[in-house]
Amino acid sequence: MTHADDRDTTAGTPELVRVEDPWPPDEPGLALQLRVWRTAPGRLAVMFADYDMAGDRLTPLIRKVMAEYPDDSITFYYEEVPNPLSTGYYATLVLTDDGRLSVTIFEGAAAWDLHHILGPTLGETGRPDDDRLLWGGP
């Protein structure tokens, strides 16, 4: 089960429960960073991060995460870090009823809302060798 908005369900401080880079480790060529927060009992926020969104590869990875946490309601996010073709952004990811990936890019106040939802750990989980702004937030 996925949800597009955790804003009103966060109970207390979200807990960063998993960080994997690259993810999935058993699939060569994928350099996604995966971060998982427990935002409330039974609720998770999952962030994929990379330099380039390839929606066709994210759909099976979302399904994989859903299978790993079958008892939780999950909100999926994507963070594209700045690169020569993009200034970087955040997005919500939702699998539609027909199995397609719906991507909603957001900036500004919505990005700050994400920082409120996930707490200070969003800014503390950046890649240590990468000082660009979006590994861990603005």
Protein backbone atom coordinates (compact mmCIF):
# COMPACT_ATOMS: atom_id res chain seq x y z
CA MET A 1 0.00 0.00 0.00
CA THR A 2 1.38 3.43 -0.87
CA HIS A 3 0.32 6.89 0.15
CA ALA A 4 1.26 10.25 -1.31
CA ASP A 5 1.24 12.28 1.92
CA ASP A 6 2.44 11.50 5.44
CA ARG A 7 2.07 15.08 6.66
CA ASP A 8 -0.73 14.52 9.18
CA THR A 9 0.27 11.06 10.39
CA THR A 10 3.75 11.66 11.77
CA ALA A 11 3.80 10.79 15.46
CA GLY A 12 6.95 12.11 17.11
CA THR A 13 10.37 12.14 15.49
CA PRO A 14 10.86 9.93 12.44
CA GLU A 15 13.52 7.27 12.90
CA LEU A 16 15.96 6.54 10.09
CA VAL A 17 15.94 2.73 10.05
CA ARG A 18 17.85 1.87 6.88
CA VAL A 19 20.45 3.39 4.56
CA GLU A 20 21.89 1.49 1.61
CA ASP A 21 24.17 2.89 -1.05
CA PRO A 22 24.24 1.52 -3.73
CA TRP A 23 20.91 -0.23 -3.67
CA PRO A 24 20.02 -2.91 -4.42
CA PRO A 25 23.54 -4.21 -3.77
CA ASP A 26 22.99 -7.41 -5.75
CA GLU A 27 22.22 -5.60 -9.01
CA PRO A 28 25.36 -4.21 -10.69
CA GLY A 29 25.01 -0.87 -12.43
CA LEU A 30 22.43 0.60 -10.07
CA ALA A 31 23.77 3.33 -7.85
CA LEU A 32 20.57 4.33 -6.09
CA GLN A 33 20.74 5.34 -2.48
CA LEU A 34 17.88 3.90 -0.43
CA ARG A 35 16.81 5.46 2.86
CA VAL A 36 13.89 4.28 4.99
CA TRP A 37 12.30 6.16 7.89
CA ARG A 38 9.68 4.93 10.34
CA THR A 39 7.39 7.95 10.61
CA ALA A 40 4.77 6.32 12.87
CA PRO A 41 3.76 2.80 13.90
CA GLY A 42 2.91 0.95 10.68
CA ARG A 43 4.09 3.85 8.45
CA LEU A 44 7.30 4.25 6.49
CA ALA A 45 8.79 6.88 4.22
CA VAL A 46 11.17 5.55 1.57
CA MET A 47 13.57 7.77 -0.38
CA PHE A 48 15.37 6.67 -3.52
CA ALA A 49 18.15 9.04 -4.61
CA ASP A 50 20.28 9.16 -7.74
CA TYR A 51 21.59 11.49 -10.43
CA ASP A 52 18.97 10.47 -13.00
CA MET A 53 15.47 9.11 -12.56
CA ALA A 54 14.78 6.11 -14.69
CA GLY A 55 11.14 5.34 -13.93
CA ASP A 56 11.32 1.95 -15.58
CA ARG A 57 13.84 0.78 -13.00
CA LEU A 58 12.06 2.36 -10.02
CA THR A 59 8.79 0.46 -10.49
CA PRO A 60 10.28 -2.98 -9.70
CA LEU A 61 12.32 -1.49 -6.86
CA ILE A 62 9.19 0.00 -5.30
CA ARG A 63 7.56 -3.41 -5.53
CA LYS A 64 10.64 -4.96 -3.91
CA VAL A 65 10.47 -2.54 -0.97
CA MET A 66 6.72 -3.13 -0.61
CA ALA A 67 7.42 -6.88 -0.41
CA GLU A 68 10.07 -6.29 2.27
CA TYR A 69 7.61 -4.30 4.42
CA PRO A 70 4.23 -5.97 3.72
CA ASP A 71 2.59 -4.80 6.96
CA ASP A 72 3.46 -1.12 6.58
CA SER A 73 1.87 1.75 4.73
CA ILE A 74 4.66 3.32 2.65
CA THR A 75 5.15 6.75 1.12
CA PHE A 76 7.77 6.74 -1.64
CA TYR A 77 9.97 9.71 -2.55
CA TYR A 78 12.71 10.32 -5.08
CA GLU A 79 15.59 12.77 -4.78
CA GLU A 80 17.46 13.72 -7.93
CA VAL A 81 20.79 15.27 -7.06
CA PRO A 82 22.17 18.13 -9.14
CA ASN A 83 23.95 17.02 -12.29
CA PRO A 84 24.92 18.62 -15.60
CA LEU A 85 21.34 18.22 -16.88
CA SER A 86 19.35 19.02 -13.72
CA THR A 87 19.42 21.33 -10.73
CA GLY A 88 17.98 18.51 -8.64
CA TYR A 89 14.53 18.01 -7.16
CA TYR A 90 12.32 15.91 -4.90
CA ALA A 91 9.31 13.93 -6.08
CA THR A 92 6.64 11.62 -4.72
CA LEU A 93 6.29 8.22 -6.35
CA VAL A 94 3.02 6.31 -6.50
CA LEU A 95 2.22 3.07 -8.31
CA THR A 96 -1.13 3.47 -10.03
CA ASP A 97 -3.79 0.73 -10.15
CA ASP A 98 -2.59 -0.25 -13.61
CA GLY A 99 1.01 -0.68 -12.37
CA ARG A 100 2.43 2.51 -13.83
CA LEU A 101 4.63 4.88 -11.90
CA SER A 102 3.17 8.32 -11.20
CA VAL A 103 5.81 10.94 -10.42
CA THR A 104 4.97 14.31 -8.88
CA ILE A 105 7.92 16.71 -8.70
CA PHE A 106 7.82 19.34 -5.98
CA GLU A 107 10.00 22.23 -4.81
CA GLY A 108 9.91 25.19 -2.47
CA ALA A 109 7.48 24.90 0.44
CA ALA A 110 6.70 21.26 -0.38
CA ALA A 111 10.41 20.42 -0.11
CA TRP A 112 10.51 22.06 3.31
CA ASP A 113 7.42 20.05 4.27
CA LEU A 114 9.41 16.93 3.40
CA HIS A 115 12.17 18.09 5.75
CA HIS A 116 9.52 18.52 8.45
CA ILE A 117 8.10 15.04 7.79
CA LEU A 118 11.47 13.26 7.86
CA GLY A 119 13.21 15.43 10.41
CA PRO A 120 16.85 16.40 10.65
CA THR A 121 18.08 12.99 9.51
CA LEU A 122 17.17 13.90 5.93
CA GLY A 123 20.04 16.38 6.04
CA GLU A 124 22.38 14.02 7.86
CA THR A 125 22.24 11.08 5.46
CA GLY A 126 24.05 12.58 2.51
CA ARG A 127 26.88 10.82 0.75
CA PRO A 128 30.03 11.89 2.59
CA ASP A 129 32.10 12.33 -0.58
CA ASP A 130 29.44 14.41 -2.35
CA ASP A 131 28.93 17.99 -1.17
CA ARG A 132 26.17 18.86 -3.64
CA LEU A 133 23.05 20.31 -2.07
CA LEU A 134 20.48 17.59 -2.55
CA TRP A 135 22.25 14.62 -1.02
CA GLY A 136 20.41 15.12 2.20
CA GLY A 137 18.44 18.19 1.27
CA PRO A 138 18.88 21.88 0.53
